[in-house]
Amino acid sequence: MNAAPAPAQDRPLALDARAIDDLVARVDAVLPPPEPRVIGFVASGQGEGTSTLARSYARANAGKLGRNTLLLGTLPPADGSTTLCAALRSGQPIDSALGNKQRGVTEAWLGLGSDHDDQPDYAWDLVTRRELWDFLRGRFDLIVLDLPAAADSGACLQIGPQCDGVLVVLESARTRKPVVTQLLQDLQAVHVRVLGAVLNKRSFHLPTKLYRWL
């Protein structure tokens, strides 16, 4: 599936709403209701558009299908907001780490990979607890998990098994086959269900209208 049919190369992240709708429909076909469900997005390397795609997918589910949606990042937020890890460590309610809704989507962060985290193993223990995911599934119809690049973090292998399915994001003309093959093998080894791959940032060298006639 092509998730980014921008008409010019200098607009690689102008996602086509119809392509996002198609992605929503395809995932629903593979994972039909009942909800809730957790869908992860991961790429092999940085800059492949994973976060933009995950956000667009979350907003389409919330805005067009009315699903109570959580967009969950893994790294600490730049604005210093409370993370789920921080809330769990301090004994605060998990609700304290859930942000306000934006365009129908609630945002939150697990808070892994902090420069101030001197107990990384403890952090993994916190975010892989079944109680946390049971709580989130009880609050939301859909949880969209924006995972960091596999080349930079093992989060996709640690947290991926909590997902009902994972979509692998590939950047057109950039992502190499051996790298993707290794990522798929690693995900399979920890029993992560891969729903498919999304081809992102495809460039069109002719006007978009012409492609619709081909």
N, C-alpha and C. Protein backbone atom coordinates (compact mmCIF):
# COMPACT_ATOMS: atom_id res chain seq x y z
N MET A 1 0.85 -1.21 0.00
CA MET A 1 0.00 0.00 0.00
C MET A 1 0.87 1.24 0.00
N ASN A 2 0.51 2.23 -0.77
CA ASN A 2 1.25 3.48 -0.79
C ASN A 2 0.55 4.49 0.09
N ALA A 3 1.21 4.89 1.19
CA ALA A 3 0.58 5.77 2.16
C ALA A 3 0.93 7.22 1.95
N ALA A 4 1.75 7.54 0.95
CA ALA A 4 2.16 8.93 0.79
C ALA A 4 2.28 9.33 -0.67
N PRO A 5 1.18 9.41 -1.39
CA PRO A 5 1.27 9.78 -2.80
C PRO A 5 1.36 11.28 -3.00
N ALA A 6 2.39 11.91 -2.46
CA ALA A 6 2.58 13.34 -2.64
C ALA A 6 2.99 13.61 -4.08
N PRO A 7 2.48 14.67 -4.70
CA PRO A 7 2.76 14.92 -6.10
C PRO A 7 4.16 15.45 -6.37
N ALA A 8 4.90 15.79 -5.34
CA ALA A 8 6.24 16.32 -5.54
C ALA A 8 7.18 15.71 -4.53
N GLN A 9 8.45 15.58 -4.89
CA GLN A 9 9.42 14.93 -4.01
C GLN A 9 9.69 15.74 -2.75
N ASP A 10 9.46 17.03 -2.77
CA ASP A 10 9.74 17.84 -1.60
C ASP A 10 8.59 17.84 -0.61
N ARG A 11 7.57 16.95 -0.82
CA ARG A 11 6.46 16.86 0.12
C ARG A 11 6.22 15.39 0.48
N PRO A 12 7.24 14.71 1.09
CA PRO A 12 7.14 13.27 1.28
C PRO A 12 6.16 12.85 2.34
N LEU A 13 5.74 13.76 3.23
CA LEU A 13 4.87 13.36 4.33
C LEU A 13 3.45 13.87 4.17
N ALA A 14 3.07 14.31 2.96
CA ALA A 14 1.70 14.74 2.72
C ALA A 14 0.85 13.50 2.46
N LEU A 15 0.40 12.89 3.53
CA LEU A 15 -0.30 11.62 3.41
C LEU A 15 -1.65 11.78 2.75
N ASP A 16 -1.98 10.86 1.88
CA ASP A 16 -3.24 10.84 1.17
C ASP A 16 -4.30 10.26 2.10
N ALA A 17 -5.37 11.03 2.36
CA ALA A 17 -6.41 10.58 3.28
C ALA A 17 -7.05 9.28 2.81
N ARG A 18 -7.19 9.12 1.51
CA ARG A 18 -7.81 7.89 0.99
C ARG A 18 -6.92 6.68 1.25
N ALA A 19 -5.61 6.89 1.17
CA ALA A 19 -4.69 5.78 1.45
C ALA A 19 -4.76 5.39 2.92
N ILE A 20 -4.89 6.38 3.81
CA ILE A 20 -5.02 6.09 5.23
C ILE A 20 -6.33 5.36 5.50
N ASP A 21 -7.41 5.81 4.86
CA ASP A 21 -8.70 5.12 5.02
C ASP A 21 -8.59 3.67 4.55
N ASP A 22 -7.86 3.46 3.49
CA ASP A 22 -7.67 2.10 2.97
C ASP A 22 -6.89 1.26 3.97
N LEU A 23 -5.89 1.86 4.60
CA LEU A 23 -5.11 1.15 5.61
C LEU A 23 -5.99 0.76 6.79
N VAL A 24 -6.84 1.68 7.23
CA VAL A 24 -7.77 1.38 8.32
C VAL A 24 -8.66 0.19 7.95
N ALA A 25 -9.19 0.22 6.74
CA ALA A 25 -10.08 -0.85 6.29
C ALA A 25 -9.35 -2.19 6.20
N ARG A 26 -8.11 -2.16 5.74
CA ARG A 26 -7.35 -3.40 5.61
C ARG A 26 -7.04 -4.01 6.98
N VAL A 27 -6.68 -3.16 7.93
CA VAL A 27 -6.41 -3.68 9.28
C VAL A 27 -7.69 -4.23 9.90
N ASP A 28 -8.80 -3.53 9.69
CA ASP A 28 -10.08 -4.01 10.21
C ASP A 28 -10.46 -5.36 9.60
N ALA A 29 -10.10 -5.57 8.34
CA ALA A 29 -10.42 -6.83 7.69
C ALA A 29 -9.62 -7.99 8.29
N VAL A 30 -8.38 -7.69 8.66
CA VAL A 30 -7.52 -8.72 9.24
C VAL A 30 -7.84 -8.94 10.72
N LEU A 31 -8.14 -7.84 11.42
CA LEU A 31 -8.45 -7.89 12.85
C LEU A 31 -9.85 -7.31 13.07
N PRO A 32 -10.87 -8.04 12.75
CA PRO A 32 -12.23 -7.50 12.91
C PRO A 32 -12.58 -7.31 14.37
N PRO A 33 -13.58 -6.43 14.63
CA PRO A 33 -14.06 -6.27 16.00
C PRO A 33 -14.45 -7.64 16.56
N PRO A 34 -14.52 -7.85 17.88
CA PRO A 34 -14.64 -6.77 18.87
C PRO A 34 -13.31 -6.11 19.22
N GLU A 35 -13.44 -4.90 19.68
CA GLU A 35 -12.32 -4.14 20.19
C GLU A 35 -12.23 -4.41 21.69
N PRO A 36 -11.23 -3.98 22.39
CA PRO A 36 -10.14 -3.10 21.94
C PRO A 36 -9.01 -3.88 21.26
N ARG A 37 -8.11 -3.11 20.66
CA ARG A 37 -6.95 -3.71 20.02
C ARG A 37 -5.76 -2.75 20.13
N VAL A 38 -4.58 -3.31 20.03
CA VAL A 38 -3.34 -2.53 20.05
C VAL A 38 -2.62 -2.78 18.73
N ILE A 39 -2.36 -1.69 17.98
CA ILE A 39 -1.69 -1.78 16.68
C ILE A 39 -0.37 -1.00 16.78
N GLY A 40 0.73 -1.68 16.46
CA GLY A 40 2.03 -1.03 16.51
C GLY A 40 2.53 -0.67 15.12
N PHE A 41 3.31 0.41 15.05
CA PHE A 41 3.97 0.83 13.81
C PHE A 41 5.47 0.87 14.08
N VAL A 42 6.26 0.23 13.22
CA VAL A 42 7.70 0.21 13.43
C VAL A 42 8.41 0.21 12.08
N ALA A 43 9.60 0.82 12.06
CA ALA A 43 10.45 0.81 10.87
C ALA A 43 11.83 0.30 11.28
N SER A 44 12.61 -0.08 10.31
CA SER A 44 13.95 -0.57 10.62
C SER A 44 14.90 0.56 10.98
N GLY A 45 14.70 1.75 10.38
CA GLY A 45 15.58 2.88 10.65
C GLY A 45 14.80 4.17 10.87
N GLN A 46 15.52 5.21 11.29
CA GLN A 46 14.89 6.50 11.54
C GLN A 46 14.48 7.18 10.24
N GLY A 47 13.52 8.10 10.36
CA GLY A 47 13.17 8.96 9.25
C GLY A 47 12.31 8.33 8.18
N GLU A 48 11.70 7.19 8.47
CA GLU A 48 10.89 6.51 7.46
C GLU A 48 9.42 6.89 7.54
N GLY A 49 9.08 7.84 8.43
CA GLY A 49 7.72 8.35 8.49
C GLY A 49 6.79 7.59 9.41
N THR A 50 7.34 6.81 10.33
CA THR A 50 6.51 5.99 11.20
C THR A 50 5.58 6.82 12.07
N SER A 51 6.11 7.87 12.69
CA SER A 51 5.30 8.68 13.61
C SER A 51 4.17 9.39 12.88
N THR A 52 4.45 9.94 11.71
CA THR A 52 3.43 10.62 10.93
C THR A 52 2.33 9.65 10.51
N LEU A 53 2.73 8.47 10.09
CA LEU A 53 1.77 7.46 9.67
C LEU A 53 0.91 6.98 10.85
N ALA A 54 1.55 6.74 12.00
CA ALA A 54 0.81 6.29 13.18
C ALA A 54 -0.21 7.34 13.61
N ARG A 55 0.19 8.60 13.58
CA ARG A 55 -0.72 9.68 13.98
C ARG A 55 -1.90 9.78 13.01
N SER A 56 -1.63 9.68 11.72
CA SER A 56 -2.70 9.76 10.73
C SER A 56 -3.66 8.59 10.87
N TYR A 57 -3.13 7.42 11.14
CA TYR A 57 -3.96 6.23 11.33
C TYR A 57 -4.84 6.40 12.57
N ALA A 58 -4.26 6.93 13.66
CA ALA A 58 -5.03 7.14 14.89
C ALA A 58 -6.16 8.15 14.66
N ARG A 59 -5.86 9.24 13.97
CA ARG A 59 -6.86 10.28 13.74
C ARG A 59 -7.98 9.79 12.82
N ALA A 60 -7.64 8.96 11.84
CA ALA A 60 -8.67 8.43 10.96
C ALA A 60 -9.63 7.52 11.72
N ASN A 61 -9.11 6.70 12.61
CA ASN A 61 -9.95 5.83 13.42
C ASN A 61 -10.85 6.62 14.36
N ALA A 62 -10.29 7.68 14.94
CA ALA A 62 -11.06 8.48 15.88
C ALA A 62 -12.08 9.35 15.17
N GLY A 63 -11.65 10.02 14.11
CA GLY A 63 -12.52 10.99 13.45
C GLY A 63 -13.59 10.39 12.59
N LYS A 64 -13.28 9.32 11.87
CA LYS A 64 -14.23 8.77 10.91
C LYS A 64 -15.01 7.58 11.45
N LEU A 65 -14.42 6.87 12.40
CA LEU A 65 -15.10 5.69 12.94
C LEU A 65 -15.52 5.88 14.39
N GLY A 66 -15.16 7.02 14.98
CA GLY A 66 -15.60 7.33 16.34
C GLY A 66 -14.97 6.47 17.40
N ARG A 67 -13.82 5.87 17.12
CA ARG A 67 -13.17 5.03 18.11
C ARG A 67 -12.42 5.87 19.14
N ASN A 68 -12.57 5.49 20.38
CA ASN A 68 -11.83 6.13 21.46
C ASN A 68 -10.38 5.67 21.36
N THR A 69 -9.50 6.56 20.87
CA THR A 69 -8.17 6.16 20.43
C THR A 69 -7.07 6.79 21.28
N LEU A 70 -6.07 5.97 21.60
CA LEU A 70 -4.87 6.44 22.30
C LEU A 70 -3.69 6.30 21.36
N LEU A 71 -2.95 7.40 21.16
CA LEU A 71 -1.70 7.37 20.42
C LEU A 71 -0.58 7.31 21.46
N LEU A 72 0.15 6.21 21.47
CA LEU A 72 1.12 5.96 22.54
C LEU A 72 2.54 5.94 21.97
N GLY A 73 3.34 6.94 22.37
CA GLY A 73 4.74 6.96 22.00
C GLY A 73 5.57 6.20 23.01
N THR A 74 6.79 5.87 22.66
CA THR A 74 7.62 5.10 23.58
C THR A 74 8.70 5.94 24.24
N LEU A 75 9.19 6.96 23.54
CA LEU A 75 10.27 7.78 24.09
C LEU A 75 9.70 8.89 24.98
N PRO A 76 10.53 9.50 25.84
CA PRO A 76 10.04 10.61 26.68
C PRO A 76 9.62 11.78 25.81
N PRO A 77 8.53 12.47 26.14
CA PRO A 77 8.08 13.62 25.35
C PRO A 77 9.01 14.81 25.53
N ALA A 78 9.11 15.61 24.48
CA ALA A 78 10.00 16.78 24.52
C ALA A 78 9.53 17.84 25.51
N ASP A 79 8.23 17.88 25.80
CA ASP A 79 7.71 18.93 26.68
C ASP A 79 7.76 18.55 28.16
N GLY A 80 8.32 17.39 28.46
CA GLY A 80 8.46 17.00 29.87
C GLY A 80 7.19 16.50 30.53
N SER A 81 6.20 16.15 29.75
CA SER A 81 4.94 15.64 30.31
C SER A 81 5.19 14.33 31.07
N THR A 82 4.32 14.07 32.03
CA THR A 82 4.42 12.83 32.80
C THR A 82 4.25 11.62 31.88
N THR A 83 5.13 10.64 32.02
CA THR A 83 5.05 9.42 31.22
C THR A 83 4.40 8.30 32.04
N LEU A 84 4.00 7.26 31.36
CA LEU A 84 3.42 6.12 32.05
C LEU A 84 4.43 5.48 33.00
N CYS A 85 5.69 5.42 32.57
CA CYS A 85 6.74 4.88 33.44
C CYS A 85 6.85 5.69 34.73
N ALA A 86 6.87 7.02 34.58
CA ALA A 86 7.00 7.89 35.75
C ALA A 86 5.80 7.74 36.69
N ALA A 87 4.62 7.64 36.11
CA ALA A 87 3.42 7.48 36.93
C ALA A 87 3.44 6.16 37.69
N LEU A 88 3.85 5.09 37.03
CA LEU A 88 3.90 3.78 37.67
C LEU A 88 4.95 3.74 38.78
N ARG A 89 6.08 4.38 38.53
CA ARG A 89 7.15 4.38 39.54
C ARG A 89 6.76 5.13 40.80
N SER A 90 6.06 6.22 40.60
CA SER A 90 5.72 7.09 41.74
C SER A 90 4.40 6.71 42.40
N GLY A 91 3.72 5.72 41.84
CA GLY A 91 2.44 5.32 42.41
C GLY A 91 1.28 6.22 42.04
N GLN A 92 1.48 7.10 41.04
CA GLN A 92 0.39 7.97 40.59
C GLN A 92 -0.61 7.17 39.75
N PRO A 93 -1.84 7.65 39.68
CA PRO A 93 -2.81 7.00 38.79
C PRO A 93 -2.32 7.05 37.34
N ILE A 94 -2.58 6.02 36.59
CA ILE A 94 -2.18 6.01 35.19
C ILE A 94 -2.84 7.15 34.43
N ASP A 95 -4.04 7.53 34.85
CA ASP A 95 -4.74 8.64 34.20
C ASP A 95 -3.91 9.92 34.20
N SER A 96 -3.03 10.07 35.18
CA SER A 96 -2.23 11.30 35.27
C SER A 96 -1.24 11.42 34.12
N ALA A 97 -0.97 10.33 33.42
CA ALA A 97 -0.04 10.36 32.30
C ALA A 97 -0.74 10.42 30.95
N LEU A 98 -2.06 10.51 30.97
CA LEU A 98 -2.81 10.60 29.72
C LEU A 98 -3.07 12.06 29.39
N GLY A 99 -2.70 12.48 28.20
CA GLY A 99 -2.87 13.87 27.80
C GLY A 99 -4.30 14.18 27.39
N ASN A 100 -4.50 15.42 27.01
CA ASN A 100 -5.81 15.84 26.52
C ASN A 100 -6.03 15.36 25.09
N LYS A 101 -7.28 15.26 24.70
CA LYS A 101 -7.58 14.83 23.34
C LYS A 101 -7.26 15.94 22.35
N GLN A 102 -6.66 15.55 21.25
CA GLN A 102 -6.42 16.45 20.13
C GLN A 102 -6.97 15.78 18.88
N ARG A 103 -7.98 16.43 18.28
CA ARG A 103 -8.66 15.88 17.10
C ARG A 103 -9.17 14.47 17.40
N GLY A 104 -9.68 14.31 18.62
CA GLY A 104 -10.30 13.05 19.01
C GLY A 104 -9.35 11.98 19.49
N VAL A 105 -8.05 12.28 19.54
CA VAL A 105 -7.05 11.29 19.92
C VAL A 105 -6.36 11.71 21.22
N THR A 106 -6.34 10.81 22.20
CA THR A 106 -5.59 11.02 23.43
C THR A 106 -4.15 10.61 23.19
N GLU A 107 -3.21 11.40 23.72
CA GLU A 107 -1.80 11.06 23.54
C GLU A 107 -1.15 10.77 24.88
N ALA A 108 -0.21 9.82 24.88
CA ALA A 108 0.55 9.49 26.08
C ALA A 108 1.89 8.91 25.65
N TRP A 109 2.81 8.77 26.60
CA TRP A 109 4.15 8.27 26.31
C TRP A 109 4.55 7.26 27.37
N LEU A 110 5.19 6.19 26.92
CA LEU A 110 5.70 5.21 27.87
C LEU A 110 6.89 5.77 28.64
N GLY A 111 7.75 6.51 27.96
CA GLY A 111 8.88 7.15 28.65
C GLY A 111 10.11 6.28 28.75
N LEU A 112 10.35 5.43 27.75
CA LEU A 112 11.56 4.61 27.73
C LEU A 112 12.71 5.38 27.10
N GLY A 113 13.93 5.04 27.51
CA GLY A 113 15.10 5.63 26.88
C GLY A 113 15.47 6.99 27.41
N SER A 114 15.00 7.37 28.58
CA SER A 114 15.37 8.66 29.16
C SER A 114 16.84 8.68 29.53
N ASP A 115 17.48 9.83 29.31
CA ASP A 115 18.88 9.99 29.69
C ASP A 115 19.07 9.90 31.20
N HIS A 116 17.98 10.11 31.92
CA HIS A 116 18.05 10.09 33.39
C HIS A 116 17.61 8.74 33.96
N ASP A 117 17.39 7.79 33.10
CA ASP A 117 16.90 6.48 33.56
C ASP A 117 18.08 5.60 33.93
N ASP A 118 18.31 5.44 35.24
CA ASP A 118 19.43 4.61 35.69
C ASP A 118 18.99 3.19 36.02
N GLN A 119 17.73 2.86 35.71
CA GLN A 119 17.21 1.52 35.95
C GLN A 119 16.46 1.02 34.71
N PRO A 120 17.18 0.82 33.60
CA PRO A 120 16.50 0.44 32.37
C PRO A 120 15.73 -0.87 32.47
N ASP A 121 16.27 -1.85 33.21
CA ASP A 121 15.56 -3.13 33.33
C ASP A 121 14.24 -2.94 34.07
N TYR A 122 14.25 -2.05 35.05
CA TYR A 122 13.03 -1.78 35.81
C TYR A 122 12.00 -1.11 34.91
N ALA A 123 12.47 -0.24 34.02
CA ALA A 123 11.56 0.44 33.09
C ALA A 123 10.87 -0.58 32.18
N TRP A 124 11.64 -1.53 31.67
CA TRP A 124 11.04 -2.55 30.82
C TRP A 124 10.01 -3.36 31.60
N ASP A 125 10.32 -3.65 32.87
CA ASP A 125 9.38 -4.40 33.69
C ASP A 125 8.07 -3.65 33.85
N LEU A 126 8.17 -2.33 34.00
CA LEU A 126 6.97 -1.53 34.18
C LEU A 126 6.08 -1.54 32.95
N VAL A 127 6.67 -1.32 31.78
CA VAL A 127 5.85 -1.14 30.58
C VAL A 127 5.43 -2.46 29.94
N THR A 128 5.94 -3.56 30.42
CA THR A 128 5.49 -4.85 29.88
C THR A 128 4.56 -5.57 30.85
N ARG A 129 4.17 -4.90 31.92
CA ARG A 129 3.23 -5.50 32.85
C ARG A 129 1.86 -5.68 32.20
N ARG A 130 1.29 -6.82 32.41
CA ARG A 130 -0.03 -7.09 31.84
C ARG A 130 -1.07 -6.12 32.40
N GLU A 131 -0.91 -5.73 33.69
CA GLU A 131 -1.90 -4.84 34.30
C GLU A 131 -2.00 -3.51 33.56
N LEU A 132 -0.85 -2.99 33.10
CA LEU A 132 -0.85 -1.72 32.37
C LEU A 132 -1.66 -1.85 31.08
N TRP A 133 -1.41 -2.89 30.32
CA TRP A 133 -2.08 -3.05 29.04
C TRP A 133 -3.55 -3.40 29.22
N ASP A 134 -3.86 -4.14 30.28
CA ASP A 134 -5.27 -4.41 30.58
C ASP A 134 -6.00 -3.11 30.91
N PHE A 135 -5.34 -2.22 31.65
CA PHE A 135 -5.93 -0.93 31.98
C PHE A 135 -6.19 -0.12 30.71
N LEU A 136 -5.19 -0.04 29.83
CA LEU A 136 -5.32 0.75 28.61
C LEU A 136 -6.40 0.17 27.70
N ARG A 137 -6.46 -1.15 27.60
CA ARG A 137 -7.49 -1.78 26.79
C ARG A 137 -8.89 -1.53 27.37
N GLY A 138 -8.93 -1.37 28.68
CA GLY A 138 -10.22 -1.09 29.31
C GLY A 138 -10.68 0.35 29.11
N ARG A 139 -9.75 1.24 28.78
CA ARG A 139 -10.08 2.65 28.62
C ARG A 139 -10.29 3.06 27.17
N PHE A 140 -9.67 2.34 26.24
CA PHE A 140 -9.68 2.77 24.83
C PHE A 140 -10.12 1.64 23.91
N ASP A 141 -10.74 2.04 22.80
CA ASP A 141 -11.11 1.08 21.76
C ASP A 141 -9.89 0.67 20.95
N LEU A 142 -9.00 1.64 20.76
CA LEU A 142 -7.82 1.41 19.92
C LEU A 142 -6.61 2.09 20.54
N ILE A 143 -5.50 1.36 20.61
CA ILE A 143 -4.22 1.92 21.06
C ILE A 143 -3.25 1.81 19.90
N VAL A 144 -2.77 2.94 19.43
CA VAL A 144 -1.82 2.99 18.32
C VAL A 144 -0.44 3.23 18.92
N LEU A 145 0.45 2.28 18.75
CA LEU A 145 1.76 2.33 19.38
C LEU A 145 2.82 2.76 18.37
N ASP A 146 3.41 3.91 18.60
CA ASP A 146 4.46 4.46 17.74
C ASP A 146 5.80 3.99 18.29
N LEU A 147 6.33 2.93 17.71
CA LEU A 147 7.57 2.32 18.20
C LEU A 147 8.80 2.99 17.58
N PRO A 148 9.89 3.09 18.33
CA PRO A 148 11.11 3.64 17.75
C PRO A 148 11.72 2.69 16.73
N ALA A 149 12.60 3.22 15.90
CA ALA A 149 13.24 2.41 14.87
C ALA A 149 13.96 1.22 15.49
N ALA A 150 13.86 0.08 14.84
CA ALA A 150 14.47 -1.14 15.36
C ALA A 150 15.99 -1.01 15.45
N ALA A 151 16.59 -0.20 14.58
CA ALA A 151 18.03 -0.02 14.61
C ALA A 151 18.50 0.73 15.84
N ASP A 152 17.61 1.47 16.49
CA ASP A 152 17.98 2.31 17.63
C ASP A 152 17.51 1.78 18.97
N SER A 153 16.56 0.85 18.95
CA SER A 153 15.96 0.42 20.21
C SER A 153 15.38 -0.99 20.06
N GLY A 154 15.39 -1.72 21.16
CA GLY A 154 14.77 -3.03 21.18
C GLY A 154 13.33 -2.99 21.60
N ALA A 155 12.73 -1.79 21.62
CA ALA A 155 11.35 -1.64 22.11
C ALA A 155 10.37 -2.48 21.31
N CYS A 156 10.57 -2.58 20.00
CA CYS A 156 9.62 -3.34 19.19
C CYS A 156 9.61 -4.81 19.57
N LEU A 157 10.74 -5.32 20.05
CA LEU A 157 10.81 -6.72 20.45
C LEU A 157 10.32 -6.91 21.88
N GLN A 158 10.47 -5.88 22.71
CA GLN A 158 10.03 -5.95 24.10
C GLN A 158 8.52 -5.73 24.22
N ILE A 159 8.02 -4.75 23.48
CA ILE A 159 6.62 -4.35 23.63
C ILE A 159 5.75 -4.95 22.52
N GLY A 160 6.36 -5.32 21.41
CA GLY A 160 5.60 -5.87 20.29
C GLY A 160 4.65 -7.00 20.67
N PRO A 161 5.06 -7.91 21.55
CA PRO A 161 4.15 -9.00 21.93
C PRO A 161 2.87 -8.53 22.62
N GLN A 162 2.84 -7.27 23.09
CA GLN A 162 1.62 -6.73 23.70
C GLN A 162 0.61 -6.31 22.63
N CYS A 163 1.06 -6.24 21.38
CA CYS A 163 0.20 -5.76 20.29
C CYS A 163 -0.62 -6.90 19.69
N ASP A 164 -1.78 -6.56 19.19
CA ASP A 164 -2.57 -7.51 18.42
C ASP A 164 -1.99 -7.68 17.02
N GLY A 165 -1.27 -6.67 16.58
CA GLY A 165 -0.61 -6.74 15.29
C GLY A 165 0.31 -5.55 15.10
N VAL A 166 1.32 -5.72 14.26
CA VAL A 166 2.31 -4.66 13.98
C VAL A 166 2.41 -4.46 12.48
N LEU A 167 2.49 -3.20 12.09
CA LEU A 167 2.71 -2.83 10.69
C LEU A 167 4.14 -2.34 10.53
N VAL A 168 4.84 -2.87 9.56
CA VAL A 168 6.22 -2.48 9.29
C VAL A 168 6.21 -1.39 8.23
N VAL A 169 6.84 -0.26 8.54
CA VAL A 169 6.87 0.90 7.64
C VAL A 169 8.15 0.86 6.81
N LEU A 170 7.99 0.96 5.51
CA LEU A 170 9.13 0.95 4.58
C LEU A 170 9.16 2.27 3.83
N GLU A 171 10.33 2.88 3.75
CA GLU A 171 10.45 4.09 2.95
C GLU A 171 10.81 3.73 1.53
N SER A 172 10.02 4.21 0.60
CA SER A 172 10.24 3.90 -0.80
C SER A 172 11.64 4.32 -1.25
N ALA A 173 12.31 3.42 -1.98
CA ALA A 173 13.63 3.66 -2.57
C ALA A 173 14.72 3.84 -1.52
N ARG A 174 14.43 3.49 -0.27
CA ARG A 174 15.46 3.65 0.75
C ARG A 174 15.69 2.38 1.56
N THR A 175 14.61 1.80 2.07
CA THR A 175 14.74 0.65 2.96
C THR A 175 15.28 -0.55 2.18
N ARG A 176 16.37 -1.15 2.70
CA ARG A 176 16.99 -2.28 2.00
C ARG A 176 16.36 -3.61 2.43
N LYS A 177 16.22 -4.51 1.48
CA LYS A 177 15.57 -5.79 1.72
C LYS A 177 16.21 -6.59 2.86
N PRO A 178 17.55 -6.71 2.93
CA PRO A 178 18.13 -7.50 4.02
C PRO A 178 17.79 -6.95 5.41
N VAL A 179 17.69 -5.63 5.51
CA VAL A 179 17.37 -5.02 6.79
C VAL A 179 15.94 -5.35 7.19
N VAL A 180 15.03 -5.26 6.23
CA VAL A 180 13.62 -5.58 6.49
C VAL A 180 13.47 -7.06 6.84
N THR A 181 14.17 -7.91 6.10
CA THR A 181 14.11 -9.35 6.37
C THR A 181 14.54 -9.66 7.78
N GLN A 182 15.61 -9.01 8.23
CA GLN A 182 16.08 -9.24 9.60
C GLN A 182 15.07 -8.77 10.63
N LEU A 183 14.45 -7.61 10.38
CA LEU A 183 13.44 -7.11 11.30
C LEU A 183 12.27 -8.07 11.39
N LEU A 184 11.80 -8.58 10.25
CA LEU A 184 10.69 -9.52 10.25
C LEU A 184 11.04 -10.80 10.99
N GLN A 185 12.26 -11.27 10.82
CA GLN A 185 12.70 -12.48 11.52
C GLN A 185 12.76 -12.24 13.02
N ASP A 186 13.24 -11.07 13.42
CA ASP A 186 13.33 -10.74 14.85
C ASP A 186 11.93 -10.66 15.48
N LEU A 187 11.00 -10.05 14.77
CA LEU A 187 9.63 -9.94 15.27
C LEU A 187 8.99 -11.32 15.39
N GLN A 188 9.21 -12.15 14.39
CA GLN A 188 8.65 -13.50 14.41
C GLN A 188 9.21 -14.31 15.57
N ALA A 189 10.49 -14.08 15.89
CA ALA A 189 11.14 -14.85 16.96
C ALA A 189 10.51 -14.59 18.33
N VAL A 190 9.93 -13.41 18.51
CA VAL A 190 9.29 -13.09 19.80
C VAL A 190 7.76 -13.14 19.68
N HIS A 191 7.29 -13.80 18.62
CA HIS A 191 5.86 -14.07 18.42
C HIS A 191 5.02 -12.80 18.24
N VAL A 192 5.58 -11.83 17.51
CA VAL A 192 4.83 -10.63 17.15
C VAL A 192 4.11 -10.90 15.85
N ARG A 193 2.82 -10.60 15.80
CA ARG A 193 2.04 -10.79 14.59
C ARG A 193 2.24 -9.60 13.66
N VAL A 194 2.87 -9.82 12.53
CA VAL A 194 3.07 -8.76 11.53
C VAL A 194 1.88 -8.77 10.58
N LEU A 195 1.16 -7.65 10.55
CA LEU A 195 -0.04 -7.54 9.71
C LEU A 195 0.30 -7.27 8.26
N GLY A 196 1.45 -6.66 8.02
CA GLY A 196 1.84 -6.32 6.66
C GLY A 196 2.82 -5.17 6.68
N ALA A 197 3.13 -4.68 5.50
CA ALA A 197 4.07 -3.58 5.35
C ALA A 197 3.38 -2.41 4.66
N VAL A 198 3.79 -1.21 5.01
CA VAL A 198 3.25 0.01 4.42
C VAL A 198 4.38 0.74 3.69
N LEU A 199 4.22 0.94 2.39
CA LEU A 199 5.21 1.68 1.61
C LEU A 199 4.93 3.16 1.78
N ASN A 200 5.89 3.87 2.34
CA ASN A 200 5.71 5.27 2.69
C ASN A 200 6.66 6.15 1.88
N LYS A 201 6.29 7.42 1.74
CA LYS A 201 7.12 8.43 1.07
C LYS A 201 7.40 8.10 -0.39
N ARG A 202 6.45 7.53 -1.05
CA ARG A 202 6.64 7.29 -2.49
C ARG A 202 6.52 8.61 -3.24
N SER A 203 7.44 8.86 -4.14
CA SER A 203 7.43 10.10 -4.92
C SER A 203 6.78 9.85 -6.28
N PHE A 204 5.98 10.83 -6.70
CA PHE A 204 5.33 10.75 -8.01
C PHE A 204 5.98 11.79 -8.93
N HIS A 205 6.41 11.35 -10.08
CA HIS A 205 7.10 12.25 -11.01
C HIS A 205 6.15 12.81 -12.06
N LEU A 206 4.89 12.39 -12.02
CA LEU A 206 3.85 12.96 -12.87
C LEU A 206 2.76 13.51 -11.95
N PRO A 207 1.95 14.44 -12.43
CA PRO A 207 0.86 14.94 -11.61
C PRO A 207 -0.03 13.81 -11.11
N THR A 208 -0.49 13.92 -9.89
CA THR A 208 -1.30 12.87 -9.27
C THR A 208 -2.52 12.51 -10.12
N LYS A 209 -3.16 13.50 -10.75
CA LYS A 209 -4.36 13.24 -11.55
C LYS A 209 -4.08 12.26 -12.68
N LEU A 210 -2.88 12.34 -13.25
CA LEU A 210 -2.54 11.42 -14.34
C LEU A 210 -2.46 9.99 -13.83
N TYR A 211 -1.94 9.81 -12.60
CA TYR A 211 -1.84 8.45 -12.04
C TYR A 211 -3.22 7.85 -11.84
N ARG A 212 -4.20 8.69 -11.54
CA ARG A 212 -5.55 8.17 -11.32
C ARG A 212 -6.19 7.68 -12.62
N TRP A 213 -5.63 8.11 -13.75
CA TRP A 213 -6.16 7.64 -15.04
C TRP A 213 -5.45 6.40 -15.52
N LEU A 214 -4.28 6.07 -14.93
CA LEU A 214 -3.48 4.93 -15.41
C LEU A 214 -4.00 3.61 -14.86
